[in-house]
Amino acid sequence: MRKGIHPENYRMVAFKDMSNEDVFLTRSTVDTKETLEVDGVSYPLVKLEISRTSHPFYTGKSKLIDAAGRIDKFKTKYAKFKKE
């Protein structure tokens, strides 16, 4: 394997699922400006819209998550084609 191609700045990072407030810690090189305190220790924070704890494939539950207003945007865009 070639030397010098992998990042050296791995550290513990908190990933937070914003749909169910679940937090998990793992090592990462991701850059972030926010921090989160977990068990008295401050970690860099990465916010996720969906993770393994809220994704329907892993949970077995179908849940509608409209994080960016996509459903409303779709309905207004195609309202003119609605049959009455």
C-alpha atoms as a PDB file:
ATOM      1  CA  MET A   1       0.000   0.000   0.000  1.00  0.00           C
ATOM      2  CA  ARG A   2       1.243   3.496  -0.795  1.00  0.00           C
ATOM      3  CA  LYS A   3       2.310   5.666   2.115  1.00  0.00           C
ATOM      4  CA  GLY A   4       0.955   9.163   2.741  1.00  0.00           C
ATOM      5  CA  ILE A   5      -2.443   8.792   1.023  1.00  0.00           C
ATOM      6  CA  HIS A   6      -4.572   8.372   4.157  1.00  0.00           C
ATOM      7  CA  PRO A   7      -5.479  11.273   6.484  1.00  0.00           C
ATOM      8  CA  GLU A   8      -3.730  11.454   9.838  1.00  0.00           C
ATOM      9  CA  ASN A   9      -6.214  13.651  11.745  1.00  0.00           C
ATOM     10  CA  TYR A  10      -8.719  11.026  12.950  1.00  0.00           C
ATOM     11  CA  ARG A  11     -10.519  11.994  16.163  1.00  0.00           C
ATOM     12  CA  MET A  12     -13.717  11.129  18.016  1.00  0.00           C
ATOM     13  CA  VAL A  13     -16.749  12.906  16.516  1.00  0.00           C
ATOM     14  CA  ALA A  14     -20.398  12.972  17.657  1.00  0.00           C
ATOM     15  CA  PHE A  15     -22.981  12.312  14.943  1.00  0.00           C
ATOM     16  CA  LYS A  16     -26.535  13.391  15.835  1.00  0.00           C
ATOM     17  CA  ASP A  17     -29.633  12.157  14.009  1.00  0.00           C
ATOM     18  CA  MET A  18     -31.910  15.208  13.987  1.00  0.00           C
ATOM     19  CA  SER A  19     -35.086  13.188  13.332  1.00  0.00           C
ATOM     20  CA  ASN A  20     -34.907  11.206  16.587  1.00  0.00           C
ATOM     21  CA  GLU A  21     -32.139  12.971  18.586  1.00  0.00           C
ATOM     22  CA  ASP A  22     -29.951   9.816  18.691  1.00  0.00           C
ATOM     23  CA  VAL A  23     -26.214  10.501  19.158  1.00  0.00           C
ATOM     24  CA  PHE A  24     -23.371   8.133  18.400  1.00  0.00           C
ATOM     25  CA  LEU A  25     -19.604   8.559  18.591  1.00  0.00           C
ATOM     26  CA  THR A  26     -17.094   7.359  16.035  1.00  0.00           C
ATOM     27  CA  ARG A  27     -13.707   8.321  14.677  1.00  0.00           C
ATOM     28  CA  SER A  28     -13.730  10.670  11.701  1.00  0.00           C
ATOM     29  CA  THR A  29     -11.766  13.378   9.890  1.00  0.00           C
ATOM     30  CA  VAL A  30     -14.818  15.530   9.079  1.00  0.00           C
ATOM     31  CA  ASP A  31     -14.473  19.304   9.656  1.00  0.00           C
ATOM     32  CA  THR A  32     -17.171  20.968  11.742  1.00  0.00           C
ATOM     33  CA  LYS A  33     -17.578  24.156  13.750  1.00  0.00           C
ATOM     34  CA  GLU A  34     -20.218  22.906  16.210  1.00  0.00           C
ATOM     35  CA  THR A  35     -19.553  20.846  19.327  1.00  0.00           C
ATOM     36  CA  LEU A  36     -21.675  18.632  21.574  1.00  0.00           C
ATOM     37  CA  GLU A  37     -21.009  17.539  25.134  1.00  0.00           C
ATOM     38  CA  VAL A  38     -21.446  13.802  25.747  1.00  0.00           C
ATOM     39  CA  ASP A  39     -20.736  12.393  29.227  1.00  0.00           C
ATOM     40  CA  GLY A  40     -18.845  15.539  30.204  1.00  0.00           C
ATOM     41  CA  VAL A  41     -16.561  15.496  27.140  1.00  0.00           C
ATOM     42  CA  SER A  42     -16.921  17.961  24.253  1.00  0.00           C
ATOM     43  CA  TYR A  43     -16.838  16.446  20.749  1.00  0.00           C
ATOM     44  CA  PRO A  44     -17.117  17.995  17.261  1.00  0.00           C
ATOM     45  CA  LEU A  45     -20.736  17.639  16.083  1.00  0.00           C
ATOM     46  CA  VAL A  46     -22.079  16.486  12.707  1.00  0.00           C
ATOM     47  CA  LYS A  47     -25.857  16.738  12.235  1.00  0.00           C
ATOM     48  CA  LEU A  48     -27.556  14.062  10.110  1.00  0.00           C
ATOM     49  CA  GLU A  49     -31.071  14.057   8.642  1.00  0.00           C
ATOM     50  CA  ILE A  50     -31.270  10.282   8.785  1.00  0.00           C
ATOM     51  CA  SER A  51     -29.105   7.525  10.244  1.00  0.00           C
ATOM     52  CA  ARG A  52     -29.237   3.819  11.029  1.00  0.00           C
ATOM     53  CA  THR A  53     -31.568   4.492  13.972  1.00  0.00           C
ATOM     54  CA  SER A  54     -34.223   6.229  11.852  1.00  0.00           C
ATOM     55  CA  HIS A  55     -33.849   4.731   8.356  1.00  0.00           C
ATOM     56  CA  PRO A  56     -36.804   2.468   7.439  1.00  0.00           C
ATOM     57  CA  PHE A  57     -34.511  -0.255   6.088  1.00  0.00           C
ATOM     58  CA  TYR A  58     -32.873  -0.740   9.489  1.00  0.00           C
ATOM     59  CA  THR A  59     -35.873  -0.015  11.720  1.00  0.00           C
ATOM     60  CA  GLY A  60     -38.481  -1.944   9.744  1.00  0.00           C
ATOM     61  CA  LYS A  61     -40.882   0.973  10.123  1.00  0.00           C
ATOM     62  CA  SER A  62     -42.029   3.239   7.350  1.00  0.00           C
ATOM     63  CA  LYS A  63     -41.731   6.834   8.510  1.00  0.00           C
ATOM     64  CA  LEU A  64     -42.240   9.964   6.440  1.00  0.00           C
ATOM     65  CA  ILE A  65     -39.505  12.526   7.057  1.00  0.00           C
ATOM     66  CA  ASP A  66     -39.905  15.832   5.268  1.00  0.00           C
ATOM     67  CA  ALA A  67     -36.701  17.605   6.204  1.00  0.00           C
ATOM     68  CA  ALA A  68     -36.571  20.142   3.408  1.00  0.00           C
ATOM     69  CA  GLY A  69     -40.249  20.718   2.550  1.00  0.00           C
ATOM     70  CA  ARG A  70     -39.996  18.443  -0.472  1.00  0.00           C
ATOM     71  CA  ILE A  71     -43.566  17.178  -0.205  1.00  0.00           C
ATOM     72  CA  ASP A  72     -45.081  20.661  -0.117  1.00  0.00           C
ATOM     73  CA  LYS A  73     -42.875  21.737  -3.014  1.00  0.00           C
ATOM     74  CA  PHE A  74     -43.994  18.697  -5.036  1.00  0.00           C
ATOM     75  CA  LYS A  75     -47.690  19.325  -4.296  1.00  0.00           C
ATOM     76  CA  THR A  76     -47.544  22.980  -5.310  1.00  0.00           C
ATOM     77  CA  LYS A  77     -45.565  22.192  -8.443  1.00  0.00           C
ATOM     78  CA  TYR A  78     -48.034  19.577  -9.689  1.00  0.00           C
ATOM     79  CA  ALA A  79     -51.272  21.123  -8.360  1.00  0.00           C
ATOM     80  CA  LYS A  80     -52.004  22.527 -11.830  1.00  0.00           C
ATOM     81  CA  PHE A  81     -52.294  18.969 -13.207  1.00  0.00           C
ATOM     82  CA  LYS A  82     -54.832  17.894 -10.599  1.00  0.00           C
ATOM     83  CA  LYS A  83     -57.997  16.403 -12.077  1.00  0.00           C
ATOM     84  CA  GLU A  84     -61.208  17.726 -10.634  1.00  0.00           C
END
